[in-house]
Amino acid sequence: MPSHTPTPSSSPTSSTFKISTTDAATQLHLDQTVYLCAETIRISAILLQPFMPSSMLRLLDMLSVEKGRRGIEFADFGKDEAYGEAGVDLGRGHLGTLFPPLATAV
């Protein structure tokens, strides 16, 4: 478990993902789960930049990770609290996806 346990207000996606519930503990658990998933994706994208530069650039843009916060020094839980809103038009269907479907020859 990371040393930084997010609260609903510190989770970068807490305002985006809400479930209709009156149970504060359930909402906190959901916020923590979404935060940890987002952090895992952000850190993975930072670490994979040398191997998949264009795809990870797009993913980090999708997460709105600032250009100055994409270095190895930010590849740790809780090192960047300023991301989370979509930084690019995500579109609909395959538009706006990280890996769009391959065109098949018929």
N, C-alpha and C. Protein backbone atom coordinates (compact mmCIF):
# COMPACT_ATOMS: atom_id res chain seq x y z
N MET A 1 0.84 -1.18 0.00
CA MET A 1 0.00 0.00 0.00
C MET A 1 0.88 1.24 0.00
N PRO A 2 0.58 2.22 -0.83
CA PRO A 2 1.42 3.42 -0.88
C PRO A 2 1.33 4.20 0.42
N SER A 3 2.37 4.99 0.65
CA SER A 3 2.37 5.79 1.86
C SER A 3 1.35 6.92 1.78
N HIS A 4 0.98 7.31 0.59
CA HIS A 4 -0.01 8.37 0.41
C HIS A 4 -1.37 7.73 0.18
N THR A 5 -2.25 7.86 1.15
CA THR A 5 -3.61 7.36 0.99
C THR A 5 -4.49 8.53 0.63
N PRO A 6 -5.06 8.52 -0.57
CA PRO A 6 -5.82 9.68 -1.03
C PRO A 6 -7.15 9.83 -0.29
N THR A 7 -7.58 11.04 -0.21
CA THR A 7 -8.92 11.32 0.28
C THR A 7 -9.73 11.74 -0.93
N PRO A 8 -11.04 11.76 -0.83
CA PRO A 8 -11.84 12.13 -1.99
C PRO A 8 -11.44 13.46 -2.59
N SER A 9 -11.01 14.42 -1.78
CA SER A 9 -10.65 15.72 -2.32
C SER A 9 -9.29 15.72 -3.01
N SER A 10 -8.39 14.77 -2.64
CA SER A 10 -7.07 14.76 -3.27
C SER A 10 -6.99 13.83 -4.46
N SER A 11 -8.01 13.02 -4.68
CA SER A 11 -8.02 12.11 -5.81
C SER A 11 -8.26 12.90 -7.09
N PRO A 12 -7.37 12.74 -8.11
CA PRO A 12 -7.52 13.54 -9.32
C PRO A 12 -8.80 13.27 -10.09
N THR A 13 -9.46 12.15 -9.82
CA THR A 13 -10.66 11.82 -10.57
C THR A 13 -11.91 11.79 -9.70
N SER A 14 -11.81 12.23 -8.45
CA SER A 14 -12.94 12.09 -7.55
C SER A 14 -14.17 12.86 -8.00
N SER A 15 -14.01 13.99 -8.66
CA SER A 15 -15.16 14.75 -9.11
C SER A 15 -15.76 14.16 -10.39
N THR A 16 -15.01 13.34 -11.10
CA THR A 16 -15.47 12.76 -12.34
C THR A 16 -16.31 11.51 -12.10
N PHE A 17 -15.88 10.66 -11.19
CA PHE A 17 -16.53 9.39 -10.95
C PHE A 17 -17.26 9.43 -9.62
N LYS A 18 -18.57 9.46 -9.68
CA LYS A 18 -19.39 9.43 -8.48
C LYS A 18 -20.39 8.29 -8.61
N ILE A 19 -20.67 7.65 -7.50
CA ILE A 19 -21.71 6.63 -7.46
C ILE A 19 -22.77 7.14 -6.51
N SER A 20 -24.03 6.93 -6.89
CA SER A 20 -25.13 7.36 -6.02
C SER A 20 -25.15 6.47 -4.80
N THR A 21 -24.59 6.97 -3.73
CA THR A 21 -24.57 6.23 -2.48
C THR A 21 -24.55 7.21 -1.33
N THR A 22 -25.14 6.81 -0.25
CA THR A 22 -25.08 7.65 0.94
C THR A 22 -24.02 7.14 1.89
N ASP A 23 -23.41 6.04 1.55
CA ASP A 23 -22.38 5.44 2.39
C ASP A 23 -21.04 6.10 2.10
N ALA A 24 -20.56 6.90 3.02
CA ALA A 24 -19.29 7.62 2.83
C ALA A 24 -18.11 6.67 2.72
N ALA A 25 -18.14 5.56 3.43
CA ALA A 25 -17.04 4.60 3.36
C ALA A 25 -16.95 3.96 1.98
N THR A 26 -18.11 3.67 1.38
CA THR A 26 -18.12 3.11 0.03
C THR A 26 -17.58 4.11 -0.97
N GLN A 27 -17.98 5.37 -0.85
CA GLN A 27 -17.49 6.41 -1.76
C GLN A 27 -15.98 6.60 -1.60
N LEU A 28 -15.50 6.60 -0.37
CA LEU A 28 -14.05 6.74 -0.12
C LEU A 28 -13.30 5.57 -0.74
N HIS A 29 -13.81 4.36 -0.57
CA HIS A 29 -13.17 3.18 -1.16
C HIS A 29 -13.14 3.29 -2.69
N LEU A 30 -14.23 3.73 -3.28
CA LEU A 30 -14.27 3.90 -4.73
C LEU A 30 -13.26 4.95 -5.18
N ASP A 31 -13.22 6.08 -4.49
CA ASP A 31 -12.27 7.14 -4.84
C ASP A 31 -10.83 6.64 -4.74
N GLN A 32 -10.52 5.89 -3.69
CA GLN A 32 -9.17 5.35 -3.53
C GLN A 32 -8.83 4.36 -4.65
N THR A 33 -9.80 3.53 -5.02
CA THR A 33 -9.57 2.55 -6.09
C THR A 33 -9.31 3.23 -7.42
N VAL A 34 -10.11 4.23 -7.77
CA VAL A 34 -9.92 4.97 -9.02
C VAL A 34 -8.58 5.70 -8.99
N TYR A 35 -8.24 6.31 -7.86
CA TYR A 35 -6.97 7.02 -7.73
C TYR A 35 -5.79 6.07 -7.96
N LEU A 36 -5.82 4.90 -7.31
CA LEU A 36 -4.72 3.95 -7.46
C LEU A 36 -4.61 3.44 -8.89
N CYS A 37 -5.74 3.23 -9.55
CA CYS A 37 -5.72 2.81 -10.96
C CYS A 37 -5.10 3.91 -11.84
N ALA A 38 -5.52 5.16 -11.61
CA ALA A 38 -4.99 6.28 -12.39
C ALA A 38 -3.49 6.44 -12.15
N GLU A 39 -3.06 6.31 -10.90
CA GLU A 39 -1.63 6.41 -10.58
C GLU A 39 -0.84 5.29 -11.26
N THR A 40 -1.40 4.09 -11.26
CA THR A 40 -0.72 2.96 -11.89
C THR A 40 -0.57 3.20 -13.39
N ILE A 41 -1.59 3.71 -14.03
CA ILE A 41 -1.52 4.01 -15.46
C ILE A 41 -0.51 5.13 -15.71
N ARG A 42 -0.53 6.19 -14.91
CA ARG A 42 0.39 7.32 -15.08
C ARG A 42 1.84 6.86 -14.91
N ILE A 43 2.12 6.11 -13.87
CA ILE A 43 3.49 5.64 -13.61
C ILE A 43 3.94 4.69 -14.70
N SER A 44 3.06 3.79 -15.12
CA SER A 44 3.41 2.85 -16.21
C SER A 44 3.72 3.61 -17.49
N ALA A 45 2.94 4.64 -17.79
CA ALA A 45 3.19 5.43 -19.00
C ALA A 45 4.54 6.14 -18.93
N ILE A 46 4.89 6.65 -17.78
CA ILE A 46 6.20 7.31 -17.62
C ILE A 46 7.32 6.30 -17.86
N LEU A 47 7.19 5.12 -17.26
CA LEU A 47 8.25 4.11 -17.37
C LEU A 47 8.33 3.49 -18.76
N LEU A 48 7.23 3.48 -19.50
CA LEU A 48 7.23 2.88 -20.85
C LEU A 48 7.59 3.87 -21.96
N GLN A 49 7.82 5.14 -21.63
CA GLN A 49 8.16 6.14 -22.66
C GLN A 49 9.35 5.75 -23.53
N PRO A 50 10.43 5.18 -23.00
CA PRO A 50 11.55 4.82 -23.87
C PRO A 50 11.22 3.73 -24.88
N PHE A 51 10.22 2.91 -24.59
CA PHE A 51 9.90 1.77 -25.43
C PHE A 51 8.74 2.03 -26.39
N MET A 52 7.84 2.91 -26.00
CA MET A 52 6.66 3.24 -26.81
C MET A 52 6.44 4.76 -26.74
N PRO A 53 7.38 5.54 -27.28
CA PRO A 53 7.32 6.99 -27.06
C PRO A 53 6.05 7.67 -27.55
N SER A 54 5.60 7.38 -28.74
CA SER A 54 4.42 8.09 -29.25
C SER A 54 3.14 7.68 -28.53
N SER A 55 3.00 6.41 -28.22
CA SER A 55 1.81 5.94 -27.51
C SER A 55 1.77 6.47 -26.08
N MET A 56 2.93 6.49 -25.41
CA MET A 56 2.95 6.97 -24.03
C MET A 56 2.81 8.50 -23.98
N LEU A 57 3.29 9.19 -25.00
CA LEU A 57 3.07 10.63 -25.10
C LEU A 57 1.57 10.90 -25.19
N ARG A 58 0.88 10.14 -26.01
CA ARG A 58 -0.57 10.30 -26.16
C ARG A 58 -1.30 9.95 -24.86
N LEU A 59 -0.89 8.87 -24.21
CA LEU A 59 -1.53 8.47 -22.95
C LEU A 59 -1.32 9.54 -21.88
N LEU A 60 -0.12 10.06 -21.76
CA LEU A 60 0.15 11.11 -20.77
C LEU A 60 -0.61 12.38 -21.11
N ASP A 61 -0.78 12.66 -22.40
CA ASP A 61 -1.62 13.79 -22.81
C ASP A 61 -3.07 13.54 -22.43
N MET A 62 -3.55 12.30 -22.61
CA MET A 62 -4.93 11.96 -22.24
C MET A 62 -5.17 12.18 -20.75
N LEU A 63 -4.15 11.92 -19.95
CA LEU A 63 -4.27 12.10 -18.50
C LEU A 63 -3.98 13.53 -18.06
N SER A 64 -3.56 14.38 -18.98
CA SER A 64 -3.18 15.77 -18.67
C SER A 64 -1.99 15.86 -17.74
N VAL A 65 -1.04 14.96 -17.90
CA VAL A 65 0.20 15.04 -17.12
C VAL A 65 1.06 16.11 -17.78
N GLU A 66 1.46 17.11 -16.99
CA GLU A 66 2.25 18.22 -17.54
C GLU A 66 3.57 17.71 -18.10
N LYS A 67 4.05 18.36 -19.13
CA LYS A 67 5.29 17.93 -19.80
C LYS A 67 6.47 17.86 -18.83
N GLY A 68 6.55 18.77 -17.89
CA GLY A 68 7.65 18.77 -16.93
C GLY A 68 7.53 17.72 -15.83
N ARG A 69 6.44 16.98 -15.82
CA ARG A 69 6.21 15.96 -14.79
C ARG A 69 6.18 14.56 -15.39
N ARG A 70 6.90 14.36 -16.47
CA ARG A 70 6.91 13.07 -17.16
C ARG A 70 8.23 12.34 -17.01
N GLY A 71 9.11 12.84 -16.17
CA GLY A 71 10.42 12.22 -15.96
C GLY A 71 10.36 11.14 -14.89
N ILE A 72 11.45 10.40 -14.81
CA ILE A 72 11.54 9.27 -13.88
C ILE A 72 11.34 9.70 -12.43
N GLU A 73 11.67 10.94 -12.11
CA GLU A 73 11.51 11.42 -10.73
C GLU A 73 10.04 11.51 -10.31
N PHE A 74 9.12 11.48 -11.28
CA PHE A 74 7.69 11.52 -10.97
C PHE A 74 7.04 10.15 -11.08
N ALA A 75 7.84 9.11 -11.27
CA ALA A 75 7.30 7.75 -11.41
C ALA A 75 7.16 7.08 -10.05
N ASP A 76 6.37 7.70 -9.17
CA ASP A 76 6.12 7.15 -7.85
C ASP A 76 4.72 7.60 -7.41
N PHE A 77 4.09 6.81 -6.58
CA PHE A 77 2.74 7.13 -6.13
C PHE A 77 2.72 8.46 -5.38
N GLY A 78 1.77 9.31 -5.77
CA GLY A 78 1.58 10.58 -5.10
C GLY A 78 2.52 11.69 -5.50
N LYS A 79 3.37 11.48 -6.52
CA LYS A 79 4.33 12.51 -6.93
C LYS A 79 3.72 13.59 -7.80
N ASP A 80 2.54 13.34 -8.35
CA ASP A 80 1.89 14.33 -9.21
C ASP A 80 0.40 14.32 -8.92
N GLU A 81 -0.07 15.36 -8.26
CA GLU A 81 -1.49 15.47 -7.92
C GLU A 81 -2.24 16.38 -8.89
N ALA A 82 -1.57 16.86 -9.94
CA ALA A 82 -2.17 17.88 -10.80
C ALA A 82 -2.69 17.34 -12.12
N TYR A 83 -2.97 16.07 -12.23
CA TYR A 83 -3.45 15.52 -13.49
C TYR A 83 -4.84 14.93 -13.28
N GLY A 84 -5.46 14.47 -14.36
CA GLY A 84 -6.71 13.75 -14.22
C GLY A 84 -7.81 14.15 -15.16
N GLU A 85 -7.86 15.38 -15.59
CA GLU A 85 -8.86 15.80 -16.57
C GLU A 85 -8.33 15.46 -17.96
N ALA A 86 -9.21 15.07 -18.86
CA ALA A 86 -8.78 14.70 -20.21
C ALA A 86 -8.09 15.88 -20.89
N GLY A 87 -6.88 15.65 -21.37
CA GLY A 87 -6.11 16.70 -22.00
C GLY A 87 -6.25 16.75 -23.50
N VAL A 88 -6.90 15.76 -24.07
CA VAL A 88 -7.14 15.70 -25.50
C VAL A 88 -8.59 15.31 -25.72
N ASP A 89 -9.09 15.56 -26.91
CA ASP A 89 -10.45 15.14 -27.24
C ASP A 89 -10.46 13.63 -27.34
N LEU A 90 -11.22 12.98 -26.46
CA LEU A 90 -11.24 11.52 -26.45
C LEU A 90 -12.17 10.93 -27.49
N GLY A 91 -13.04 11.73 -28.06
CA GLY A 91 -13.89 11.29 -29.15
C GLY A 91 -14.84 10.18 -28.77
N ARG A 92 -15.37 9.53 -29.78
CA ARG A 92 -16.31 8.42 -29.59
C ARG A 92 -15.83 7.23 -30.40
N GLY A 93 -16.22 6.06 -29.95
CA GLY A 93 -15.83 4.86 -30.66
C GLY A 93 -14.32 4.69 -30.65
N HIS A 94 -13.74 4.36 -31.79
CA HIS A 94 -12.29 4.15 -31.82
C HIS A 94 -11.51 5.47 -31.87
N LEU A 95 -12.20 6.57 -32.15
CA LEU A 95 -11.53 7.87 -32.12
C LEU A 95 -11.21 8.22 -30.67
N GLY A 96 -10.02 8.67 -30.42
CA GLY A 96 -9.65 9.03 -29.08
C GLY A 96 -9.14 7.87 -28.24
N THR A 97 -8.96 6.71 -28.84
CA THR A 97 -8.43 5.57 -28.10
C THR A 97 -6.92 5.55 -28.23
N LEU A 98 -6.27 4.94 -27.28
CA LEU A 98 -4.81 4.87 -27.31
C LEU A 98 -4.32 3.96 -28.43
N PHE A 99 -4.95 2.80 -28.58
CA PHE A 99 -4.58 1.86 -29.63
C PHE A 99 -5.81 1.56 -30.48
N PRO A 100 -6.06 2.35 -31.54
CA PRO A 100 -7.25 2.12 -32.36
C PRO A 100 -7.16 0.76 -33.06
N PRO A 101 -8.31 0.22 -33.45
CA PRO A 101 -8.30 -1.09 -34.11
C PRO A 101 -7.54 -1.03 -35.44
N LEU A 102 -6.90 -2.12 -35.75
CA LEU A 102 -6.17 -2.22 -37.01
C LEU A 102 -7.15 -2.39 -38.17
N ALA A 103 -6.83 -1.75 -39.27
CA ALA A 103 -7.65 -1.93 -40.47
C ALA A 103 -7.34 -3.31 -41.05
N THR A 104 -8.38 -4.09 -41.27
CA THR A 104 -8.18 -5.43 -41.79
C THR A 104 -8.41 -5.43 -43.30
N ALA A 105 -7.56 -6.14 -43.99
CA ALA A 105 -7.70 -6.27 -45.44
C ALA A 105 -8.69 -7.38 -45.74
N VAL A 106 -9.68 -7.07 -46.60
CA VAL A 106 -10.68 -8.08 -46.94
C VAL A 106 -10.49 -8.53 -48.34
